[in-house]
PDB file of N, CA and C in Angstrom:
ATOM      1  N   MET A   1       0.826  -1.178   0.000  1.00  0.00           N
ATOM      2  CA  MET A   1       0.000   0.000   0.000  1.00  0.00           C
ATOM      3  C   MET A   1       0.872   1.244   0.000  1.00  0.00           C
ATOM      4  N   GLN A   2       0.373   2.243  -0.674  1.00  0.00           N
ATOM      5  CA  GLN A   2       1.121   3.495  -0.741  1.00  0.00           C
ATOM      6  C   GLN A   2       0.889   4.299   0.536  1.00  0.00           C
ATOM      7  N   PRO A   3       1.824   5.090   0.913  1.00  0.00           N
ATOM      8  CA  PRO A   3       1.678   5.896   2.135  1.00  0.00           C
ATOM      9  C   PRO A   3       0.487   6.857   2.070  1.00  0.00           C
ATOM     10  N   VAL A   4       0.158   7.359   0.891  1.00  0.00           N
ATOM     11  CA  VAL A   4      -0.975   8.269   0.762  1.00  0.00           C
ATOM     12  C   VAL A   4      -2.272   7.534   1.088  1.00  0.00           C
ATOM     13  N   ALA A   5      -2.413   6.302   0.681  1.00  0.00           N
ATOM     14  CA  ALA A   5      -3.600   5.507   0.959  1.00  0.00           C
ATOM     15  C   ALA A   5      -3.721   5.229   2.454  1.00  0.00           C
ATOM     16  N   VAL A   6      -2.580   4.941   3.088  1.00  0.00           N
ATOM     17  CA  VAL A   6      -2.582   4.680   4.534  1.00  0.00           C
ATOM     18  C   VAL A   6      -3.016   5.936   5.282  1.00  0.00           C
ATOM     19  N   VAL A   7      -2.476   7.076   4.901  1.00  0.00           N
ATOM     20  CA  VAL A   7      -2.825   8.339   5.554  1.00  0.00           C
ATOM     21  C   VAL A   7      -4.308   8.648   5.344  1.00  0.00           C
ATOM     22  N   THR A   8      -4.817   8.388   4.164  1.00  0.00           N
ATOM     23  CA  THR A   8      -6.235   8.610   3.874  1.00  0.00           C
ATOM     24  C   THR A   8      -7.108   7.702   4.735  1.00  0.00           C
ATOM     25  N   LEU A   9      -6.752   6.415   4.843  1.00  0.00           N
ATOM     26  CA  LEU A   9      -7.520   5.487   5.664  1.00  0.00           C
ATOM     27  C   LEU A   9      -7.485   5.873   7.140  1.00  0.00           C
ATOM     28  N   VAL A  10      -6.327   6.311   7.608  1.00  0.00           N
ATOM     29  CA  VAL A  10      -6.212   6.745   9.007  1.00  0.00           C
ATOM     30  C   VAL A  10      -7.058   7.995   9.223  1.00  0.00           C
ATOM     31  N   GLY A  11      -7.040   8.913   8.281  1.00  0.00           N
ATOM     32  CA  GLY A  11      -7.851  10.133   8.384  1.00  0.00           C
ATOM     33  C   GLY A  11      -9.338   9.821   8.405  1.00  0.00           C
ATOM     34  N   VAL A  12      -9.768   8.906   7.542  1.00  0.00           N
ATOM     35  CA  VAL A  12     -11.174   8.503   7.515  1.00  0.00           C
ATOM     36  C   VAL A  12     -11.548   7.819   8.827  1.00  0.00           C
ATOM     37  N   ALA A  13     -10.681   6.967   9.333  1.00  0.00           N
ATOM     38  CA  ALA A  13     -10.953   6.270  10.595  1.00  0.00           C
ATOM     39  C   ALA A  13     -11.069   7.269  11.750  1.00  0.00           C
ATOM     40  N   LEU A  14     -10.184   8.245  11.797  1.00  0.00           N
ATOM     41  CA  LEU A  14     -10.251   9.261  12.855  1.00  0.00           C
ATOM     42  C   LEU A  14     -11.524  10.103  12.722  1.00  0.00           C
ATOM     43  N   THR A  15     -11.894  10.436  11.506  1.00  0.00           N
ATOM     44  CA  THR A  15     -13.116  11.217  11.286  1.00  0.00           C
ATOM     45  C   THR A  15     -14.336  10.433  11.749  1.00  0.00           C
ATOM     46  N   VAL A  16     -14.409   9.154  11.401  1.00  0.00           N
ATOM     47  CA  VAL A  16     -15.527   8.312  11.826  1.00  0.00           C
ATOM     48  C   VAL A  16     -15.549   8.184  13.337  1.00  0.00           C
ATOM     49  N   LEU A  17     -14.385   8.024  13.955  1.00  0.00           N
ATOM     50  CA  LEU A  17     -14.298   7.907  15.407  1.00  0.00           C
ATOM     51  C   LEU A  17     -14.773   9.185  16.092  1.00  0.00           C
ATOM     52  N   VAL A  18     -14.334  10.333  15.596  1.00  0.00           N
ATOM     53  CA  VAL A  18     -14.741  11.608  16.191  1.00  0.00           C
ATOM     54  C   VAL A  18     -16.250  11.804  16.034  1.00  0.00           C
ATOM     55  N   LEU A  19     -16.795  11.495  14.866  1.00  0.00           N
ATOM     56  CA  LEU A  19     -18.234  11.624  14.660  1.00  0.00           C
ATOM     57  C   LEU A  19     -19.016  10.673  15.563  1.00  0.00           C
ATOM     58  N   ALA A  20     -18.506   9.477  15.746  1.00  0.00           N
ATOM     59  CA  ALA A  20     -19.187   8.516  16.622  1.00  0.00           C
ATOM     60  C   ALA A  20     -19.213   9.017  18.058  1.00  0.00           C
ATOM     61  N   VAL A  21     -18.087   9.533  18.536  1.00  0.00           N
ATOM     62  CA  VAL A  21     -18.028  10.067  19.896  1.00  0.00           C
ATOM     63  C   VAL A  21     -18.977  11.255  20.035  1.00  0.00           C
ATOM     64  N   TYR A  22     -18.993  12.112  19.015  1.00  0.00           N
ATOM     65  CA  TYR A  22     -19.886  13.268  19.035  1.00  0.00           C
ATOM     66  C   TYR A  22     -21.351  12.826  19.087  1.00  0.00           C
ATOM     67  N   LEU A  23     -21.738  11.885  18.268  1.00  0.00           N
ATOM     68  CA  LEU A  23     -23.121  11.425  18.241  1.00  0.00           C
ATOM     69  C   LEU A  23     -23.520  10.718  19.536  1.00  0.00           C
ATOM     70  N   VAL A  24     -22.622   9.956  20.125  1.00  0.00           N
ATOM     71  CA  VAL A  24     -22.914   9.304  21.400  1.00  0.00           C
ATOM     72  C   VAL A  24     -23.100  10.360  22.489  1.00  0.00           C
ATOM     73  N   THR A  25     -22.284  11.402  22.463  1.00  0.00           N
ATOM     74  CA  THR A  25     -22.414  12.484  23.438  1.00  0.00           C
ATOM     75  C   THR A  25     -23.753  13.200  23.275  1.00  0.00           C
ATOM     76  N   VAL A  26     -24.139  13.489  22.048  1.00  0.00           N
ATOM     77  CA  VAL A  26     -25.427  14.136  21.794  1.00  0.00           C
ATOM     78  C   VAL A  26     -26.570  13.240  22.260  1.00  0.00           C
ATOM     79  N   ALA A  27     -26.479  11.955  21.994  1.00  0.00           N
ATOM     80  CA  ALA A  27     -27.523  11.027  22.427  1.00  0.00           C
ATOM     81  C   ALA A  27     -27.627  10.993  23.948  1.00  0.00           C
ATOM     82  N   TRP A  28     -26.503  11.019  24.633  1.00  0.00           N
ATOM     83  CA  TRP A  28     -26.503  11.012  26.100  1.00  0.00           C
ATOM     84  C   TRP A  28     -27.140  12.290  26.645  1.00  0.00           C
ATOM     85  N   ILE A  29     -26.795  13.433  26.052  1.00  0.00           N
ATOM     86  CA  ILE A  29     -27.369  14.707  26.492  1.00  0.00           C
ATOM     87  C   ILE A  29     -28.876  14.718  26.254  1.00  0.00           C
ATOM     88  N   LEU A  30     -29.305  14.248  25.086  1.00  0.00           N
ATOM     89  CA  LEU A  30     -30.739  14.212  24.786  1.00  0.00           C
ATOM     90  C   LEU A  30     -31.491  13.280  25.739  1.00  0.00           C
ATOM     91  N   ARG A  31     -30.855  12.191  26.119  1.00  0.00           N
ATOM     92  CA  ARG A  31     -31.483  11.279  27.072  1.00  0.00           C
ATOM     93  C   ARG A  31     -31.672  11.967  28.424  1.00  0.00           C
ATOM     94  N   HIS A  32     -30.665  12.714  28.851  1.00  0.00           N
ATOM     95  CA  HIS A  32     -30.753  13.447  30.110  1.00  0.00           C
ATOM     96  C   HIS A  32     -31.839  14.525  30.030  1.00  0.00           C
ATOM     97  N   VAL A  33     -31.894  15.244  28.928  1.00  0.00           N
ATOM     98  CA  VAL A  33     -32.911  16.280  28.743  1.00  0.00           C
ATOM     99  C   VAL A  33     -34.304  15.655  28.731  1.00  0.00           C
ATOM    100  N   SER A  34     -34.453  14.536  28.078  1.00  0.00           N
ATOM    101  CA  SER A  34     -35.745  13.854  28.023  1.00  0.00           C
ATOM    102  C   SER A  34     -36.198  13.440  29.418  1.00  0.00           C
ATOM    103  N   PHE A  35     -35.278  12.921  30.223  1.00  0.00           N
ATOM    104  CA  PHE A  35     -35.605  12.521  31.593  1.00  0.00           C
ATOM    105  C   PHE A  35     -36.028  13.740  32.410  1.00  0.00           C
ATOM    106  N   THR A  36     -35.285  14.842  32.272  1.00  0.00           N
ATOM    107  CA  THR A  36     -35.600  16.057  33.023  1.00  0.00           C
ATOM    108  C   THR A  36     -36.956  16.613  32.607  1.00  0.00           C
ATOM    109  N   LEU A  37     -37.240  16.638  31.317  1.00  0.00           N
ATOM    110  CA  LEU A  37     -38.544  17.113  30.852  1.00  0.00           C
ATOM    111  C   LEU A  37     -39.669  16.218  31.348  1.00  0.00           C
ATOM    112  N   GLY A  38     -39.445  14.928  31.384  1.00  0.00           N
ATOM    113  CA  GLY A  38     -40.449  14.013  31.924  1.00  0.00           C
ATOM    114  C   GLY A  38     -40.738  14.300  33.384  1.00  0.00           C
ATOM    115  N   THR A  39     -39.691  14.593  34.140  1.00  0.00           N
ATOM    116  CA  THR A  39     -39.861  14.926  35.552  1.00  0.00           C
ATOM    117  C   THR A  39     -40.643  16.221  35.714  1.00  0.00           C
ATOM    118  N   VAL A  40     -40.315  17.215  34.901  1.00  0.00           N
ATOM    119  CA  VAL A  40     -41.023  18.496  34.973  1.00  0.00           C
ATOM    120  C   VAL A  40     -42.495  18.322  34.601  1.00  0.00           C
ATOM    121  N   ILE A  41     -42.762  17.556  33.566  1.00  0.00           N
ATOM    122  CA  ILE A  41     -44.156  17.327  33.141  1.00  0.00           C
ATOM    123  C   ILE A  41     -44.937  16.610  34.234  1.00  0.00           C
ATOM    124  N   ALA A  42     -44.312  15.626  34.866  1.00  0.00           N
ATOM    125  CA  ALA A  42     -44.994  14.917  35.955  1.00  0.00           C
ATOM    126  C   ALA A  42     -45.295  15.874  37.107  1.00  0.00           C
ATOM    127  N   GLY A  43     -44.359  16.753  37.429  1.00  0.00           N
ATOM    128  CA  GLY A  43     -44.588  17.738  38.488  1.00  0.00           C
ATOM    129  C   GLY A  43     -45.703  18.709  38.140  1.00  0.00           C
ATOM    130  N   LEU A  44     -45.739  19.163  36.897  1.00  0.00           N
ATOM    131  CA  LEU A  44     -46.798  20.079  36.469  1.00  0.00           C
ATOM    132  C   LEU A  44     -48.165  19.412  36.516  1.00  0.00           C
ATOM    133  N   ARG A  45     -48.226  18.156  36.131  1.00  0.00           N
ATOM    134  CA  ARG A  45     -49.507  17.438  36.205  1.00  0.00           C
ATOM    135  C   ARG A  45     -49.955  17.279  37.651  1.00  0.00           C
ATOM    136  N   ALA A  46     -49.006  17.019  38.545  1.00  0.00           N
ATOM    137  CA  ALA A  46     -49.354  16.887  39.962  1.00  0.00           C
ATOM    138  C   ALA A  46     -49.883  18.212  40.505  1.00  0.00           C
ATOM    139  N   ILE A  47     -49.241  19.317  40.137  1.00  0.00           N
ATOM    140  CA  ILE A  47     -49.710  20.630  40.580  1.00  0.00           C
ATOM    141  C   ILE A  47     -51.098  20.908  40.027  1.00  0.00           C
ATOM    142  N   ALA A  48     -51.313  20.594  38.751  1.00  0.00           N
ATOM    143  CA  ALA A  48     -52.625  20.827  38.138  1.00  0.00           C
ATOM    144  C   ALA A  48     -53.704  20.011  38.838  1.00  0.00           C
ATOM    145  N   ASN A  49     -53.399  18.775  39.194  1.00  0.00           N
ATOM    146  CA  ASN A  49     -54.382  17.931  39.886  1.00  0.00           C
ATOM    147  C   ASN A  49     -54.667  18.442  41.290  1.00  0.00           C
ATOM    148  N   GLN A  50     -53.658  18.963  41.959  1.00  0.00           N
ATOM    149  CA  GLN A  50     -53.852  19.436  43.326  1.00  0.00           C
ATOM    150  C   GLN A  50     -54.583  20.772  43.372  1.00  0.00           C
ATOM    151  N   THR A  51     -54.463  21.578  42.344  1.00  0.00           N
ATOM    152  CA  THR A  51     -55.117  22.886  42.346  1.00  0.00           C
ATOM    153  C   THR A  51     -56.457  22.871  41.623  1.00  0.00           C
ATOM    154  N   GLU A  52     -56.825  21.765  41.050  1.00  0.00           N
ATOM    155  CA  GLU A  52     -58.074  21.662  40.289  1.00  0.00           C
ATOM    156  C   GLU A  52     -59.316  21.993  41.116  1.00  0.00           C
ATOM    157  N   PRO A  53     -59.455  21.491  42.341  1.00  0.00           N
ATOM    158  CA  PRO A  53     -60.690  21.749  43.075  1.00  0.00           C
ATOM    159  C   PRO A  53     -60.788  23.154  43.665  1.00  0.00           C
ATOM    160  N   LEU A  54     -59.843  24.029  43.410  1.00  0.00           N
ATOM    161  CA  LEU A  54     -59.882  25.362  43.992  1.00  0.00           C
ATOM    162  C   LEU A  54     -61.094  26.161  43.536  1.00  0.00           C
ATOM    163  N   ASP A  55     -61.570  25.933  42.345  1.00  0.00           N
ATOM    164  CA  ASP A  55     -62.711  26.695  41.845  1.00  0.00           C
ATOM    165  C   ASP A  55     -63.927  26.500  42.744  1.00  0.00           C
ATOM    166  N   GLU A  56     -64.197  25.262  43.125  1.00  0.00           N
ATOM    167  CA  GLU A  56     -65.333  24.982  44.005  1.00  0.00           C
ATOM    168  C   GLU A  56     -65.136  25.621  45.381  1.00  0.00           C
ATOM    169  N   VAL A  57     -63.935  25.541  45.903  1.00  0.00           N
ATOM    170  CA  VAL A  57     -63.649  26.095  47.228  1.00  0.00           C
ATOM    171  C   VAL A  57     -63.794  27.616  47.198  1.00  0.00           C
ATOM    172  N   ILE A  58     -63.268  28.248  46.153  1.00  0.00           N
ATOM    173  CA  ILE A  58     -63.346  29.704  46.065  1.00  0.00           C
ATOM    174  C   ILE A  58     -64.796  30.153  45.917  1.00  0.00           C
ATOM    175  N   THR A  59     -65.595  29.427  45.144  1.00  0.00           N
ATOM    176  CA  THR A  59     -67.010  29.765  45.001  1.00  0.00           C
ATOM    177  C   THR A  59     -67.725  29.670  46.342  1.00  0.00           C
ATOM    178  N   GLU A  60     -67.430  28.630  47.103  1.00  0.00           N
ATOM    179  CA  GLU A  60     -68.044  28.471  48.429  1.00  0.00           C
ATOM    180  C   GLU A  60     -67.599  29.585  49.372  1.00  0.00           C
ATOM    181  N   MET A  61     -66.309  29.935  49.334  1.00  0.00           N
ATOM    182  CA  MET A  61     -65.809  31.022  50.176  1.00  0.00           C
ATOM    183  C   MET A  61     -66.477  32.348  49.798  1.00  0.00           C
ATOM    184  N   ASP A  62     -66.664  32.574  48.507  1.00  0.00           N
ATOM    185  CA  ASP A  62     -67.311  33.800  48.055  1.00  0.00           C
ATOM    186  C   ASP A  62     -68.740  33.887  48.584  1.00  0.00           C
ATOM    187  N   LYS A  63     -69.447  32.760  48.561  1.00  0.00           N
ATOM    188  CA  LYS A  63     -70.815  32.721  49.090  1.00  0.00           C
ATOM    189  C   LYS A  63     -70.808  33.015  50.586  1.00  0.00           C
ATOM    190  N   ASP A  64     -69.870  32.398  51.315  1.00  0.00           N
ATOM    191  CA  ASP A  64     -69.786  32.640  52.755  1.00  0.00           C
ATOM    192  C   ASP A  64     -69.469  34.103  53.049  1.00  0.00           C
ATOM    193  N   LEU A  65     -68.577  34.693  52.264  1.00  0.00           N
ATOM    194  CA  LEU A  65     -68.225  36.091  52.474  1.00  0.00           C
ATOM    195  C   LEU A  65     -69.401  37.011  52.137  1.00  0.00           C
ATOM    196  N   GLU A  66     -70.193  36.638  51.165  1.00  0.00           N
ATOM    197  CA  GLU A  66     -71.393  37.419  50.849  1.00  0.00           C
ATOM    198  C   GLU A  66     -72.352  37.389  52.030  1.00  0.00           C
ATOM    199  N   ASP A  67     -72.496  36.216  52.673  1.00  0.00           N
ATOM    200  CA  ASP A  67     -73.348  36.106  53.863  1.00  0.00           C
ATOM    201  C   ASP A  67     -72.810  36.977  54.994  1.00  0.00           C
ATOM    202  N   VAL A  68     -71.496  36.990  55.172  1.00  0.00           N
ATOM    203  CA  VAL A  68     -70.881  37.819  56.212  1.00  0.00           C
ATOM    204  C   VAL A  68     -71.130  39.291  55.907  1.00  0.00           C
ATOM    205  N   LYS A  69     -70.999  39.679  54.653  1.00  0.00           N
ATOM    206  CA  LYS A  69     -71.233  41.071  54.259  1.00  0.00           C
ATOM    207  C   LYS A  69     -72.670  41.486  54.572  1.00  0.00           C
ATOM    208  N   LEU A  70     -73.618  40.638  54.233  1.00  0.00           N
ATOM    209  CA  LEU A  70     -75.017  40.953  54.516  1.00  0.00           C
ATOM    210  C   LEU A  70     -75.265  41.073  56.024  1.00  0.00           C
ATOM    211  N   ALA A  71     -74.659  40.178  56.811  1.00  0.00           N
ATOM    212  CA  ALA A  71     -74.824  40.230  58.263  1.00  0.00           C
ATOM    213  C   ALA A  71     -74.224  41.511  58.831  1.00  0.00           C
ATOM    214  N   LEU A  72     -73.056  41.903  58.322  1.00  0.00           N
ATOM    215  CA  LEU A  72     -72.433  43.140  58.802  1.00  0.00           C
ATOM    216  C   LEU A  72     -73.251  44.366  58.409  1.00  0.00           C
ATOM    217  N   GLU A  73     -73.805  44.355  57.211  1.00  0.00           N
ATOM    218  CA  GLU A  73     -74.646  45.472  56.799  1.00  0.00           C
ATOM    219  C   GLU A  73     -75.888  45.567  57.689  1.00  0.00           C
ATOM    220  N   ALA A  74     -76.446  44.427  58.051  1.00  0.00           N
ATOM    221  CA  ALA A  74     -77.597  44.426  58.952  1.00  0.00           C
ATOM    222  C   ALA A  74     -77.221  44.973  60.317  1.00  0.00           C
ATOM    223  N   LEU A  75     -76.035  44.608  60.814  1.00  0.00           N
ATOM    224  CA  LEU A  75     -75.574  45.125  62.105  1.00  0.00           C
ATOM    225  C   LEU A  75     -75.351  46.630  62.054  1.00  0.00           C
ATOM    226  N   VAL A  76     -74.779  47.106  60.968  1.00  0.00           N
ATOM    227  CA  VAL A  76     -74.541  48.544  60.820  1.00  0.00           C
ATOM    228  C   VAL A  76     -75.872  49.286  60.761  1.00  0.00           C
ATOM    229  N   ALA A  77     -76.829  48.733  60.031  1.00  0.00           N
ATOM    230  CA  ALA A  77     -78.142  49.363  59.944  1.00  0.00           C
ATOM    231  C   ALA A  77     -78.821  49.380  61.308  1.00  0.00           C
ATOM    232  N   LYS A  78     -78.692  48.284  62.037  1.00  0.00           N
ATOM    233  CA  LYS A  78     -79.285  48.208  63.379  1.00  0.00           C
ATOM    234  C   LYS A  78     -78.626  49.209  64.316  1.00  0.00           C
ATOM    235  N   ALA A  79     -77.302  49.304  64.237  1.00  0.00           N
ATOM    236  CA  ALA A  79     -76.578  50.253  65.091  1.00  0.00           C
ATOM    237  C   ALA A  79     -76.948  51.671  64.719  1.00  0.00           C
ATOM    238  N   GLY A  80     -77.180  51.934  63.446  1.00  0.00           N
ATOM    239  CA  GLY A  80     -77.570  53.275  63.008  1.00  0.00           C
ATOM    240  C   GLY A  80     -78.960  53.640  63.507  1.00  0.00           C
ATOM    241  N   GLN A  81     -79.844  52.679  63.630  1.00  0.00           N
ATOM    242  CA  GLN A  81     -81.195  52.939  64.106  1.00  0.00           C
ATOM    243  C   GLN A  81     -81.185  53.244  65.606  1.00  0.00           C
ATOM    244  N   LYS A  82     -80.297  52.590  66.361  1.00  0.00           N
ATOM    245  CA  LYS A  82     -80.243  52.795  67.816  1.00  0.00           C
ATOM    246  C   LYS A  82     -79.686  54.178  68.142  1.00  0.00           C
ATOM    247  N   THR A  83     -78.735  54.669  67.326  1.00  0.00           N
ATOM    248  CA  THR A  83     -78.123  55.951  67.630  1.00  0.00           C
ATOM    249  C   THR A  83     -78.965  57.114  67.107  1.00  0.00           C
ATOM    250  N   ALA A  84     -79.871  56.866  66.209  1.00  0.00           N
ATOM    251  CA  ALA A  84     -80.657  57.960  65.625  1.00  0.00           C
ATOM    252  C   ALA A  84     -81.831  58.364  66.467  1.00  0.00           C
TER     253      ALA A  84
END
């Protein structure tokens, strides 16, 4: 074999090796990113499930506060009648 052919084969082998290492590194990084995104998605779903019933609770609290407001207005009106 001629020295030029040997140098060409060595160059091709090194290029393939570098590309293989690069692709394995990218695959490893993507695997890590995929795992992290899966964890974040699971956390977001858990938060969404835990905060879902808030609408009913807030509606009930609003009703209770409306009752308190009416009671306070009645007390103020009663107090105004006693002082007048």
